[in-house]
Amino acid sequence: TRRNPCEAKPVFVPLVEPDWHFDADLR
């Protein structure tokens, strides 16, 4: 909800439980 001064489109990459790692392919 924060103001986005550069009007960038957010792209969300989930962290995977239980150790909260990120999938390199997804990234």
mmCIF file of all heavy atoms, coordinates in Angstrom:
data_MODEL
# 
_entry.id   MODEL 
# 
loop_
_atom_site.group_PDB 
_atom_site.id 
_atom_site.type_symbol 
_atom_site.label_atom_id 
_atom_site.label_alt_id 
_atom_site.label_comp_id 
_atom_site.label_asym_id 
_atom_site.label_entity_id 
_atom_site.label_seq_id 
_atom_site.pdbx_PDB_ins_code 
_atom_site.Cartn_x 
_atom_site.Cartn_y 
_atom_site.Cartn_z 
_atom_site.occupancy 
_atom_site.B_iso_or_equiv 
_atom_site.pdbx_formal_charge 
_atom_site.auth_seq_id 
_atom_site.auth_comp_id 
_atom_site.auth_asym_id 
_atom_site.auth_atom_id 
_atom_site.pdbx_PDB_model_num 
ATOM 1   N N   . THR A 1 1  ? 0.798  -1.218  0.000   1.00 0.00 ? 1  THR A N   1 
ATOM 2   C CA  . THR A 1 1  ? 0.000  0.000   0.000   1.00 0.00 ? 1  THR A CA  1 
ATOM 3   C C   . THR A 1 1  ? 0.836  1.276   0.000   1.00 0.00 ? 1  THR A C   1 
ATOM 4   O O   . THR A 1 1  ? 0.298  2.352   -0.181  1.00 0.00 ? 1  THR A O   1 
ATOM 5   C CB  . THR A 1 1  ? -0.946 0.027   1.228   1.00 0.00 ? 1  THR A CB  1 
ATOM 6   O OG1 . THR A 1 1  ? -0.171 -0.055  2.414   1.00 0.00 ? 1  THR A OG1 1 
ATOM 7   C CG2 . THR A 1 1  ? -1.935 -1.123  1.175   1.00 0.00 ? 1  THR A CG2 1 
ATOM 8   N N   . ARG A 1 2  ? 2.137  1.146   0.196   1.00 0.00 ? 2  ARG A N   1 
ATOM 9   C CA  . ARG A 1 2  ? 2.992  2.346   0.170   1.00 0.00 ? 2  ARG A CA  1 
ATOM 10  C C   . ARG A 1 2  ? 2.967  2.988   -1.204  1.00 0.00 ? 2  ARG A C   1 
ATOM 11  O O   . ARG A 1 2  ? 2.876  2.318   -2.223  1.00 0.00 ? 2  ARG A O   1 
ATOM 12  C CB  . ARG A 1 2  ? 4.433  1.977   0.498   1.00 0.00 ? 2  ARG A CB  1 
ATOM 13  C CG  . ARG A 1 2  ? 4.676  1.931   1.939   1.00 0.00 ? 2  ARG A CG  1 
ATOM 14  C CD  . ARG A 1 2  ? 6.131  2.131   2.236   1.00 0.00 ? 2  ARG A CD  1 
ATOM 15  N NE  . ARG A 1 2  ? 6.249  2.095   3.669   1.00 0.00 ? 2  ARG A NE  1 
ATOM 16  C CZ  . ARG A 1 2  ? 7.229  1.540   4.320   1.00 0.00 ? 2  ARG A CZ  1 
ATOM 17  N NH1 . ARG A 1 2  ? 8.206  0.979   3.678   1.00 0.00 ? 2  ARG A NH1 1 
ATOM 18  N NH2 . ARG A 1 2  ? 7.234  1.547   5.626   1.00 0.00 ? 2  ARG A NH2 1 
ATOM 19  N N   . ARG A 1 3  ? 3.130  4.283   -1.199  1.00 0.00 ? 3  ARG A N   1 
ATOM 20  C CA  . ARG A 1 3  ? 3.189  5.018   -2.462  1.00 0.00 ? 3  ARG A CA  1 
ATOM 21  C C   . ARG A 1 3  ? 4.376  4.508   -3.273  1.00 0.00 ? 3  ARG A C   1 
ATOM 22  O O   . ARG A 1 3  ? 5.455  4.300   -2.747  1.00 0.00 ? 3  ARG A O   1 
ATOM 23  C CB  . ARG A 1 3  ? 3.353  6.510   -2.176  1.00 0.00 ? 3  ARG A CB  1 
ATOM 24  C CG  . ARG A 1 3  ? 3.279  7.328   -3.413  1.00 0.00 ? 3  ARG A CG  1 
ATOM 25  C CD  . ARG A 1 3  ? 3.168  8.807   -3.045  1.00 0.00 ? 3  ARG A CD  1 
ATOM 26  N NE  . ARG A 1 3  ? 3.233  9.577   -4.254  1.00 0.00 ? 3  ARG A NE  1 
ATOM 27  C CZ  . ARG A 1 3  ? 4.360  10.078  -4.755  1.00 0.00 ? 3  ARG A CZ  1 
ATOM 28  N NH1 . ARG A 1 3  ? 5.510  9.893   -4.135  1.00 0.00 ? 3  ARG A NH1 1 
ATOM 29  N NH2 . ARG A 1 3  ? 4.342  10.767  -5.869  1.00 0.00 ? 3  ARG A NH2 1 
ATOM 30  N N   . ASN A 1 4  ? 4.167  4.320   -4.541  1.00 0.00 ? 4  ASN A N   1 
ATOM 31  C CA  . ASN A 1 4  ? 5.178  3.784   -5.438  1.00 0.00 ? 4  ASN A CA  1 
ATOM 32  C C   . ASN A 1 4  ? 5.622  4.910   -6.373  1.00 0.00 ? 4  ASN A C   1 
ATOM 33  O O   . ASN A 1 4  ? 5.057  5.074   -7.451  1.00 0.00 ? 4  ASN A O   1 
ATOM 34  C CB  . ASN A 1 4  ? 4.568  2.603   -6.205  1.00 0.00 ? 4  ASN A CB  1 
ATOM 35  C CG  . ASN A 1 4  ? 5.568  1.888   -7.062  1.00 0.00 ? 4  ASN A CG  1 
ATOM 36  O OD1 . ASN A 1 4  ? 6.668  2.364   -7.288  1.00 0.00 ? 4  ASN A OD1 1 
ATOM 37  N ND2 . ASN A 1 4  ? 5.166  0.744   -7.565  1.00 0.00 ? 4  ASN A ND2 1 
ATOM 38  N N   . PRO A 1 5  ? 6.638  5.705   -5.997  1.00 0.00 ? 5  PRO A N   1 
ATOM 39  C CA  . PRO A 1 5  ? 6.997  6.886   -6.779  1.00 0.00 ? 5  PRO A CA  1 
ATOM 40  C C   . PRO A 1 5  ? 7.473  6.576   -8.196  1.00 0.00 ? 5  PRO A C   1 
ATOM 41  O O   . PRO A 1 5  ? 7.326  7.394   -9.102  1.00 0.00 ? 5  PRO A O   1 
ATOM 42  C CB  . PRO A 1 5  ? 8.092  7.547   -5.961  1.00 0.00 ? 5  PRO A CB  1 
ATOM 43  C CG  . PRO A 1 5  ? 8.625  6.485   -5.078  1.00 0.00 ? 5  PRO A CG  1 
ATOM 44  C CD  . PRO A 1 5  ? 7.499  5.522   -4.851  1.00 0.00 ? 5  PRO A CD  1 
ATOM 45  N N   . CYS A 1 6  ? 8.017  5.392   -8.417  1.00 0.00 ? 6  CYS A N   1 
ATOM 46  C CA  . CYS A 1 6  ? 8.489  5.059   -9.766  1.00 0.00 ? 6  CYS A CA  1 
ATOM 47  C C   . CYS A 1 6  ? 7.442  4.274   -10.547 1.00 0.00 ? 6  CYS A C   1 
ATOM 48  O O   . CYS A 1 6  ? 7.701  3.859   -11.670 1.00 0.00 ? 6  CYS A O   1 
ATOM 49  C CB  . CYS A 1 6  ? 9.805  4.302   -9.694  1.00 0.00 ? 6  CYS A CB  1 
ATOM 50  S SG  . CYS A 1 6  ? 9.709  2.761   -8.786  1.00 0.00 ? 6  CYS A SG  1 
ATOM 51  N N   . GLU A 1 7  ? 6.278  4.070   -9.944  1.00 0.00 ? 7  GLU A N   1 
ATOM 52  C CA  . GLU A 1 7  ? 5.175  3.353   -10.578 1.00 0.00 ? 7  GLU A CA  1 
ATOM 53  C C   . GLU A 1 7  ? 5.577  1.968   -11.077 1.00 0.00 ? 7  GLU A C   1 
ATOM 54  O O   . GLU A 1 7  ? 5.113  1.497   -12.114 1.00 0.00 ? 7  GLU A O   1 
ATOM 55  C CB  . GLU A 1 7  ? 4.570  4.191   -11.704 1.00 0.00 ? 7  GLU A CB  1 
ATOM 56  C CG  . GLU A 1 7  ? 3.981  5.499   -11.208 1.00 0.00 ? 7  GLU A CG  1 
ATOM 57  C CD  . GLU A 1 7  ? 3.368  6.335   -12.298 1.00 0.00 ? 7  GLU A CD  1 
ATOM 58  O OE1 . GLU A 1 7  ? 3.229  5.852   -13.439 1.00 0.00 ? 7  GLU A OE1 1 
ATOM 59  O OE2 . GLU A 1 7  ? 3.034  7.485   -12.008 1.00 0.00 ? 7  GLU A OE2 1 
ATOM 60  N N   . ALA A 1 8  ? 6.451  1.320   -10.328 1.00 0.00 ? 8  ALA A N   1 
ATOM 61  C CA  . ALA A 1 8  ? 6.903  -0.024  -10.690 1.00 0.00 ? 8  ALA A CA  1 
ATOM 62  C C   . ALA A 1 8  ? 5.803  -1.041  -10.415 1.00 0.00 ? 8  ALA A C   1 
ATOM 63  O O   . ALA A 1 8  ? 5.095  -0.952  -9.424  1.00 0.00 ? 8  ALA A O   1 
ATOM 64  C CB  . ALA A 1 8  ? 8.151  -0.383  -9.893  1.00 0.00 ? 8  ALA A CB  1 
ATOM 65  N N   . LYS A 1 9  ? 5.670  -2.002  -11.318 1.00 0.00 ? 9  LYS A N   1 
ATOM 66  C CA  . LYS A 1 9  ? 4.701  -3.076  -11.126 1.00 0.00 ? 9  LYS A CA  1 
ATOM 67  C C   . LYS A 1 9  ? 5.332  -4.146  -10.230 1.00 0.00 ? 9  LYS A C   1 
ATOM 68  O O   . LYS A 1 9  ? 6.368  -4.709  -10.570 1.00 0.00 ? 9  LYS A O   1 
ATOM 69  C CB  . LYS A 1 9  ? 4.343  -3.690  -12.470 1.00 0.00 ? 9  LYS A CB  1 
ATOM 70  C CG  . LYS A 1 9  ? 3.394  -4.861  -12.357 1.00 0.00 ? 9  LYS A CG  1 
ATOM 71  C CD  . LYS A 1 9  ? 3.184  -5.520  -13.693 1.00 0.00 ? 9  LYS A CD  1 
ATOM 72  C CE  . LYS A 1 9  ? 2.410  -6.817  -13.479 1.00 0.00 ? 9  LYS A CE  1 
ATOM 73  N NZ  . LYS A 1 9  ? 2.649  -7.766  -14.540 1.00 0.00 ? 9  LYS A NZ  1 
ATOM 74  N N   . PRO A 1 10 ? 4.727  -4.429  -9.071  1.00 0.00 ? 10 PRO A N   1 
ATOM 75  C CA  . PRO A 1 10 ? 5.302  -5.455  -8.198  1.00 0.00 ? 10 PRO A CA  1 
ATOM 76  C C   . PRO A 1 10 ? 5.104  -6.858  -8.758  1.00 0.00 ? 10 PRO A C   1 
ATOM 77  O O   . PRO A 1 10 ? 4.050  -7.181  -9.296  1.00 0.00 ? 10 PRO A O   1 
ATOM 78  C CB  . PRO A 1 10 ? 4.551  -5.273  -6.883  1.00 0.00 ? 10 PRO A CB  1 
ATOM 79  C CG  . PRO A 1 10 ? 3.307  -4.555  -7.231  1.00 0.00 ? 10 PRO A CG  1 
ATOM 80  C CD  . PRO A 1 10 ? 3.562  -3.791  -8.500  1.00 0.00 ? 10 PRO A CD  1 
ATOM 81  N N   . VAL A 1 11 ? 6.146  -7.668  -8.655  1.00 0.00 ? 11 VAL A N   1 
ATOM 82  C CA  . VAL A 1 11 ? 6.101  -9.083  -9.020  1.00 0.00 ? 11 VAL A CA  1 
ATOM 83  C C   . VAL A 1 11 ? 6.494  -9.835  -7.759  1.00 0.00 ? 11 VAL A C   1 
ATOM 84  O O   . VAL A 1 11 ? 7.553  -9.584  -7.179  1.00 0.00 ? 11 VAL A O   1 
ATOM 85  C CB  . VAL A 1 11 ? 7.073  -9.404  -10.174 1.00 0.00 ? 11 VAL A CB  1 
ATOM 86  C CG1 . VAL A 1 11 ? 7.093  -10.886 -10.473 1.00 0.00 ? 11 VAL A CG1 1 
ATOM 87  C CG2 . VAL A 1 11 ? 6.713  -8.590  -11.417 1.00 0.00 ? 11 VAL A CG2 1 
ATOM 88  N N   . PHE A 1 12 ? 5.636  -10.755 -7.329  1.00 0.00 ? 12 PHE A N   1 
ATOM 89  C CA  . PHE A 1 12 ? 5.833  -11.426 -6.051  1.00 0.00 ? 12 PHE A CA  1 
ATOM 90  C C   . PHE A 1 12 ? 6.462  -12.805 -6.237  1.00 0.00 ? 12 PHE A C   1 
ATOM 91  O O   . PHE A 1 12 ? 6.008  -13.591 -7.053  1.00 0.00 ? 12 PHE A O   1 
ATOM 92  C CB  . PHE A 1 12 ? 4.495  -11.531 -5.310  1.00 0.00 ? 12 PHE A CB  1 
ATOM 93  C CG  . PHE A 1 12 ? 3.864  -10.184 -5.115  1.00 0.00 ? 12 PHE A CG  1 
ATOM 94  C CD1 . PHE A 1 12 ? 2.808  -9.772  -5.921  1.00 0.00 ? 12 PHE A CD1 1 
ATOM 95  C CD2 . PHE A 1 12 ? 4.343  -9.311  -4.166  1.00 0.00 ? 12 PHE A CD2 1 
ATOM 96  C CE1 . PHE A 1 12 ? 2.236  -8.526  -5.763  1.00 0.00 ? 12 PHE A CE1 1 
ATOM 97  C CE2 . PHE A 1 12 ? 3.784  -8.057  -3.997  1.00 0.00 ? 12 PHE A CE2 1 
ATOM 98  C CZ  . PHE A 1 12 ? 2.725  -7.662  -4.791  1.00 0.00 ? 12 PHE A CZ  1 
ATOM 99  N N   . VAL A 1 13 ? 7.520  -13.065 -5.472  1.00 0.00 ? 13 VAL A N   1 
ATOM 100 C CA  . VAL A 1 13 ? 8.209  -14.355 -5.488  1.00 0.00 ? 13 VAL A CA  1 
ATOM 101 C C   . VAL A 1 13 ? 8.058  -14.950 -4.085  1.00 0.00 ? 13 VAL A C   1 
ATOM 102 O O   . VAL A 1 13 ? 8.536  -14.373 -3.111  1.00 0.00 ? 13 VAL A O   1 
ATOM 103 C CB  . VAL A 1 13 ? 9.697  -14.191 -5.848  1.00 0.00 ? 13 VAL A CB  1 
ATOM 104 C CG1 . VAL A 1 13 ? 10.437 -15.510 -5.715  1.00 0.00 ? 13 VAL A CG1 1 
ATOM 105 C CG2 . VAL A 1 13 ? 9.835  -13.632 -7.260  1.00 0.00 ? 13 VAL A CG2 1 
ATOM 106 N N   . PRO A 1 14 ? 7.381  -16.099 -3.977  1.00 0.00 ? 14 PRO A N   1 
ATOM 107 C CA  . PRO A 1 14 ? 7.145  -16.668 -2.648  1.00 0.00 ? 14 PRO A CA  1 
ATOM 108 C C   . PRO A 1 14 ? 8.399  -17.317 -2.058  1.00 0.00 ? 14 PRO A C   1 
ATOM 109 O O   . PRO A 1 14 ? 9.190  -17.931 -2.769  1.00 0.00 ? 14 PRO A O   1 
ATOM 110 C CB  . PRO A 1 14 ? 6.069  -17.724 -2.902  1.00 0.00 ? 14 PRO A CB  1 
ATOM 111 C CG  . PRO A 1 14 ? 6.232  -18.096 -4.330  1.00 0.00 ? 14 PRO A CG  1 
ATOM 112 C CD  . PRO A 1 14 ? 6.733  -16.869 -5.039  1.00 0.00 ? 14 PRO A CD  1 
ATOM 113 N N   . LEU A 1 15 ? 8.546  -17.148 -0.753  1.00 0.00 ? 15 LEU A N   1 
ATOM 114 C CA  . LEU A 1 15 ? 9.545  -17.902 -0.002  1.00 0.00 ? 15 LEU A CA  1 
ATOM 115 C C   . LEU A 1 15 ? 8.866  -19.184 0.457   1.00 0.00 ? 15 LEU A C   1 
ATOM 116 O O   . LEU A 1 15 ? 7.694  -19.176 0.803   1.00 0.00 ? 15 LEU A O   1 
ATOM 117 C CB  . LEU A 1 15 ? 10.027 -17.092 1.201   1.00 0.00 ? 15 LEU A CB  1 
ATOM 118 C CG  . LEU A 1 15 ? 10.765 -15.804 0.864   1.00 0.00 ? 15 LEU A CG  1 
ATOM 119 C CD1 . LEU A 1 15 ? 11.121 -15.051 2.146   1.00 0.00 ? 15 LEU A CD1 1 
ATOM 120 C CD2 . LEU A 1 15 ? 12.007 -16.077 0.043   1.00 0.00 ? 15 LEU A CD2 1 
ATOM 121 N N   . VAL A 1 16 ? 9.610  -20.288 0.427   1.00 0.00 ? 16 VAL A N   1 
ATOM 122 C CA  . VAL A 1 16 ? 9.036  -21.605 0.691   1.00 0.00 ? 16 VAL A CA  1 
ATOM 123 C C   . VAL A 1 16 ? 9.306  -22.022 2.136   1.00 0.00 ? 16 VAL A C   1 
ATOM 124 O O   . VAL A 1 16 ? 10.457 -22.043 2.585   1.00 0.00 ? 16 VAL A O   1 
ATOM 125 C CB  . VAL A 1 16 ? 9.615  -22.656 -0.289  1.00 0.00 ? 16 VAL A CB  1 
ATOM 126 C CG1 . VAL A 1 16 ? 8.963  -24.007 -0.078  1.00 0.00 ? 16 VAL A CG1 1 
ATOM 127 C CG2 . VAL A 1 16 ? 9.434  -22.189 -1.734  1.00 0.00 ? 16 VAL A CG2 1 
ATOM 128 N N   . GLU A 1 17 ? 8.208  -22.344 2.843   1.00 0.00 ? 17 GLU A N   1 
ATOM 129 C CA  . GLU A 1 17 ? 8.330  -22.836 4.222   1.00 0.00 ? 17 GLU A CA  1 
ATOM 130 C C   . GLU A 1 17 ? 8.865  -24.258 4.225   1.00 0.00 ? 17 GLU A C   1 
ATOM 131 O O   . GLU A 1 17 ? 8.759  -24.935 3.221   1.00 0.00 ? 17 GLU A O   1 
ATOM 132 C CB  . GLU A 1 17 ? 6.957  -22.816 4.887   1.00 0.00 ? 17 GLU A CB  1 
ATOM 133 C CG  . GLU A 1 17 ? 6.421  -21.422 5.117   1.00 0.00 ? 17 GLU A CG  1 
ATOM 134 C CD  . GLU A 1 17 ? 5.110  -21.438 5.872   1.00 0.00 ? 17 GLU A CD  1 
ATOM 135 O OE1 . GLU A 1 17 ? 5.143  -21.830 7.058   1.00 0.00 ? 17 GLU A OE1 1 
ATOM 136 O OE2 . GLU A 1 17 ? 4.094  -21.094 5.275   1.00 0.00 ? 17 GLU A OE2 1 
ATOM 137 N N   . PRO A 1 18 ? 9.437  -24.769 5.254   1.00 0.00 ? 18 PRO A N   1 
ATOM 138 C CA  . PRO A 1 18 ? 9.573  -24.183 6.583   1.00 0.00 ? 18 PRO A CA  1 
ATOM 139 C C   . PRO A 1 18 ? 10.836 -23.355 6.758   1.00 0.00 ? 18 PRO A C   1 
ATOM 140 O O   . PRO A 1 18 ? 10.971 -22.621 7.721   1.00 0.00 ? 18 PRO A O   1 
ATOM 141 C CB  . PRO A 1 18 ? 9.621  -25.398 7.509   1.00 0.00 ? 18 PRO A CB  1 
ATOM 142 C CG  . PRO A 1 18 ? 10.315 -26.441 6.700   1.00 0.00 ? 18 PRO A CG  1 
ATOM 143 C CD  . PRO A 1 18 ? 9.859  -26.182 5.269   1.00 0.00 ? 18 PRO A CD  1 
ATOM 144 N N   . ASP A 1 19 ? 11.799 -23.435 5.807   1.00 0.00 ? 19 ASP A N   1 
ATOM 145 C CA  . ASP A 1 19 ? 13.061 -22.704 6.001   1.00 0.00 ? 19 ASP A CA  1 
ATOM 146 C C   . ASP A 1 19 ? 13.093 -21.373 5.255   1.00 0.00 ? 19 ASP A C   1 
ATOM 147 O O   . ASP A 1 19 ? 14.099 -20.683 5.264   1.00 0.00 ? 19 ASP A O   1 
ATOM 148 C CB  . ASP A 1 19 ? 14.251 -23.570 5.603   1.00 0.00 ? 19 ASP A CB  1 
ATOM 149 C CG  . ASP A 1 19 ? 14.225 -23.950 4.128   1.00 0.00 ? 19 ASP A CG  1 
ATOM 150 O OD1 . ASP A 1 19 ? 13.217 -23.689 3.446   1.00 0.00 ? 19 ASP A OD1 1 
ATOM 151 O OD2 . ASP A 1 19 ? 15.221 -24.506 3.651   1.00 0.00 ? 19 ASP A OD2 1 
ATOM 152 N N   . TRP A 1 20 ? 12.005 -21.015 4.586   1.00 0.00 ? 20 TRP A N   1 
ATOM 153 C CA  . TRP A 1 20 ? 11.838 -19.720 3.909   1.00 0.00 ? 20 TRP A CA  1 
ATOM 154 C C   . TRP A 1 20 ? 12.868 -19.484 2.809   1.00 0.00 ? 20 TRP A C   1 
ATOM 155 O O   . TRP A 1 20 ? 13.311 -18.371 2.598   1.00 0.00 ? 20 TRP A O   1 
ATOM 156 C CB  . TRP A 1 20 ? 11.845 -18.575 4.930   1.00 0.00 ? 20 TRP A CB  1 
ATOM 157 C CG  . TRP A 1 20 ? 10.773 -18.727 5.940   1.00 0.00 ? 20 TRP A CG  1 
ATOM 158 C CD1 . TRP A 1 20 ? 10.931 -19.146 7.225   1.00 0.00 ? 20 TRP A CD1 1 
ATOM 159 C CD2 . TRP A 1 20 ? 9.372  -18.520 5.760   1.00 0.00 ? 20 TRP A CD2 1 
ATOM 160 N NE1 . TRP A 1 20 ? 9.713  -19.205 7.858   1.00 0.00 ? 20 TRP A NE1 1 
ATOM 161 C CE2 . TRP A 1 20 ? 8.730  -18.820 6.974   1.00 0.00 ? 20 TRP A CE2 1 
ATOM 162 C CE3 . TRP A 1 20 ? 8.586  -18.106 4.678   1.00 0.00 ? 20 TRP A CE3 1 
ATOM 163 C CZ2 . TRP A 1 20 ? 7.363  -18.728 7.156   1.00 0.00 ? 20 TRP A CZ2 1 
ATOM 164 C CZ3 . TRP A 1 20 ? 7.216  -18.018 4.869   1.00 0.00 ? 20 TRP A CZ3 1 
ATOM 165 C CH2 . TRP A 1 20 ? 6.625  -18.318 6.090   1.00 0.00 ? 20 TRP A CH2 1 
ATOM 166 N N   . HIS A 1 21 ? 13.223 -20.538 2.072   1.00 0.00 ? 21 HIS A N   1 
ATOM 167 C CA  . HIS A 1 21 ? 14.136 -20.360 0.943   1.00 0.00 ? 21 HIS A CA  1 
ATOM 168 C C   . HIS A 1 21 ? 13.343 -19.903 -0.275  1.00 0.00 ? 21 HIS A C   1 
ATOM 169 O O   . HIS A 1 21 ? 12.122 -20.007 -0.313  1.00 0.00 ? 21 HIS A O   1 
ATOM 170 C CB  . HIS A 1 21 ? 14.889 -21.662 0.639   1.00 0.00 ? 21 HIS A CB  1 
ATOM 171 C CG  . HIS A 1 21 ? 14.037 -22.724 0.011   1.00 0.00 ? 21 HIS A CG  1 
ATOM 172 N ND1 . HIS A 1 21 ? 13.201 -23.551 0.748   1.00 0.00 ? 21 HIS A ND1 1 
ATOM 173 C CD2 . HIS A 1 21 ? 13.866 -23.074 -1.289  1.00 0.00 ? 21 HIS A CD2 1 
ATOM 174 C CE1 . HIS A 1 21 ? 12.565 -24.372 -0.073  1.00 0.00 ? 21 HIS A CE1 1 
ATOM 175 N NE2 . HIS A 1 21 ? 12.957 -24.104 -1.311  1.00 0.00 ? 21 HIS A NE2 1 
ATOM 176 N N   . PHE A 1 22 ? 14.021 -19.398 -1.278  1.00 0.00 ? 22 PHE A N   1 
ATOM 177 C CA  . PHE A 1 22 ? 13.339 -19.059 -2.522  1.00 0.00 ? 22 PHE A CA  1 
ATOM 178 C C   . PHE A 1 22 ? 13.792 -20.004 -3.613  1.00 0.00 ? 22 PHE A C   1 
ATOM 179 O O   . PHE A 1 22 ? 14.922 -20.448 -3.645  1.00 0.00 ? 22 PHE A O   1 
ATOM 180 C CB  . PHE A 1 22 ? 13.533 -17.592 -2.934  1.00 0.00 ? 22 PHE A CB  1 
ATOM 181 C CG  . PHE A 1 22 ? 14.965 -17.149 -3.022  1.00 0.00 ? 22 PHE A CG  1 
ATOM 182 C CD1 . PHE A 1 22 ? 15.728 -17.384 -4.150  1.00 0.00 ? 22 PHE A CD1 1 
ATOM 183 C CD2 . PHE A 1 22 ? 15.544 -16.472 -1.971  1.00 0.00 ? 22 PHE A CD2 1 
ATOM 184 C CE1 . PHE A 1 22 ? 17.037 -16.962 -4.228  1.00 0.00 ? 22 PHE A CE1 1 
ATOM 185 C CE2 . PHE A 1 22 ? 16.850 -16.033 -2.033  1.00 0.00 ? 22 PHE A CE2 1 
ATOM 186 C CZ  . PHE A 1 22 ? 17.598 -16.289 -3.160  1.00 0.00 ? 22 PHE A CZ  1 
ATOM 187 N N   . ASP A 1 23 ? 12.861 -20.325 -4.467  1.00 0.00 ? 23 ASP A N   1 
ATOM 188 C CA  . ASP A 1 23 ? 13.111 -21.234 -5.581  1.00 0.00 ? 23 ASP A CA  1 
ATOM 189 C C   . ASP A 1 23 ? 13.826 -20.443 -6.677  1.00 0.00 ? 23 ASP A C   1 
ATOM 190 O O   . ASP A 1 23 ? 13.285 -19.474 -7.202  1.00 0.00 ? 23 ASP A O   1 
ATOM 191 C CB  . ASP A 1 23 ? 11.768 -21.778 -6.081  1.00 0.00 ? 23 ASP A CB  1 
ATOM 192 C CG  . ASP A 1 23 ? 11.930 -22.757 -7.205  1.00 0.00 ? 23 ASP A CG  1 
ATOM 193 O OD1 . ASP A 1 23 ? 12.429 -22.334 -8.281  1.00 0.00 ? 23 ASP A OD1 1 
ATOM 194 O OD2 . ASP A 1 23 ? 11.557 -23.915 -7.041  1.00 0.00 ? 23 ASP A OD2 1 
ATOM 195 N N   . ALA A 1 24 ? 15.052 -20.860 -7.013  1.00 0.00 ? 24 ALA A N   1 
ATOM 196 C CA  . ALA A 1 24 ? 15.854 -20.118 -7.986  1.00 0.00 ? 24 ALA A CA  1 
ATOM 197 C C   . ALA A 1 24 ? 15.165 -20.022 -9.347  1.00 0.00 ? 24 ALA A C   1 
ATOM 198 O O   . ALA A 1 24 ? 15.223 -18.986 -10.001 1.00 0.00 ? 24 ALA A O   1 
ATOM 199 C CB  . ALA A 1 24 ? 17.228 -20.772 -8.134  1.00 0.00 ? 24 ALA A CB  1 
ATOM 200 N N   . ASP A 1 25 ? 14.486 -21.077 -9.786  1.00 0.00 ? 25 ASP A N   1 
ATOM 201 C CA  . ASP A 1 25 ? 13.800 -21.046 -11.078 1.00 0.00 ? 25 ASP A CA  1 
ATOM 202 C C   . ASP A 1 25 ? 12.652 -20.051 -11.068 1.00 0.00 ? 25 ASP A C   1 
ATOM 203 O O   . ASP A 1 25 ? 12.452 -19.310 -12.026 1.00 0.00 ? 25 ASP A O   1 
ATOM 204 C CB  . ASP A 1 25 ? 13.277 -22.434 -11.453 1.00 0.00 ? 25 ASP A CB  1 
ATOM 205 C CG  . ASP A 1 25 ? 14.401 -23.398 -11.777 1.00 0.00 ? 25 ASP A CG  1 
ATOM 206 O OD1 . ASP A 1 25 ? 15.471 -22.929 -12.209 1.00 0.00 ? 25 ASP A OD1 1 
ATOM 207 O OD2 . ASP A 1 25 ? 14.208 -24.606 -11.587 1.00 0.00 ? 25 ASP A OD2 1 
ATOM 208 N N   . LEU A 1 26 ? 11.911 -20.022 -9.983  1.00 0.00 ? 26 LEU A N   1 
ATOM 209 C CA  . LEU A 1 26 ? 10.805 -19.083 -9.860  1.00 0.00 ? 26 LEU A CA  1 
ATOM 210 C C   . LEU A 1 26 ? 11.308 -17.651 -9.897  1.00 0.00 ? 26 LEU A C   1 
ATOM 211 O O   . LEU A 1 26 ? 10.747 -16.787 -10.547 1.00 0.00 ? 26 LEU A O   1 
ATOM 212 C CB  . LEU A 1 26 ? 10.084 -19.330 -8.531  1.00 0.00 ? 26 LEU A CB  1 
ATOM 213 C CG  . LEU A 1 26 ? 8.600  -19.608 -8.652  1.00 0.00 ? 26 LEU A CG  1 
ATOM 214 C CD1 . LEU A 1 26 ? 8.161  -20.537 -7.556  1.00 0.00 ? 26 LEU A CD1 1 
ATOM 215 C CD2 . LEU A 1 26 ? 7.839  -18.322 -8.586  1.00 0.00 ? 26 LEU A CD2 1 
ATOM 216 N N   . ARG A 1 27 ? 12.404 -17.412 -9.198  1.00 0.00 ? 27 ARG A N   1 
ATOM 217 C CA  . ARG A 1 27 ? 12.992 -16.075 -9.167  1.00 0.00 ? 27 ARG A CA  1 
ATOM 218 C C   . ARG A 1 27 ? 13.461 -15.664 -10.557 1.00 0.00 ? 27 ARG A C   1 
ATOM 219 O O   . ARG A 1 27 ? 13.235 -14.541 -10.992 1.00 0.00 ? 27 ARG A O   1 
ATOM 220 C CB  . ARG A 1 27 ? 14.145 -16.048 -8.172  1.00 0.00 ? 27 ARG A CB  1 
ATOM 221 C CG  . ARG A 1 27 ? 14.666 -14.649 -7.911  1.00 0.00 ? 27 ARG A CG  1 
ATOM 222 C CD  . ARG A 1 27 ? 15.927 -14.674 -7.053  1.00 0.00 ? 27 ARG A CD  1 
ATOM 223 N NE  . ARG A 1 27 ? 17.030 -15.202 -7.823  1.00 0.00 ? 27 ARG A NE  1 
ATOM 224 C CZ  . ARG A 1 27 ? 17.614 -16.374 -7.627  1.00 0.00 ? 27 ARG A CZ  1 
ATOM 225 N NH1 . ARG A 1 27 ? 17.197 -17.174 -6.687  1.00 0.00 ? 27 ARG A NH1 1 
ATOM 226 N NH2 . ARG A 1 27 ? 18.619 -16.764 -8.370  1.00 0.00 ? 27 ARG A NH2 1 
# 
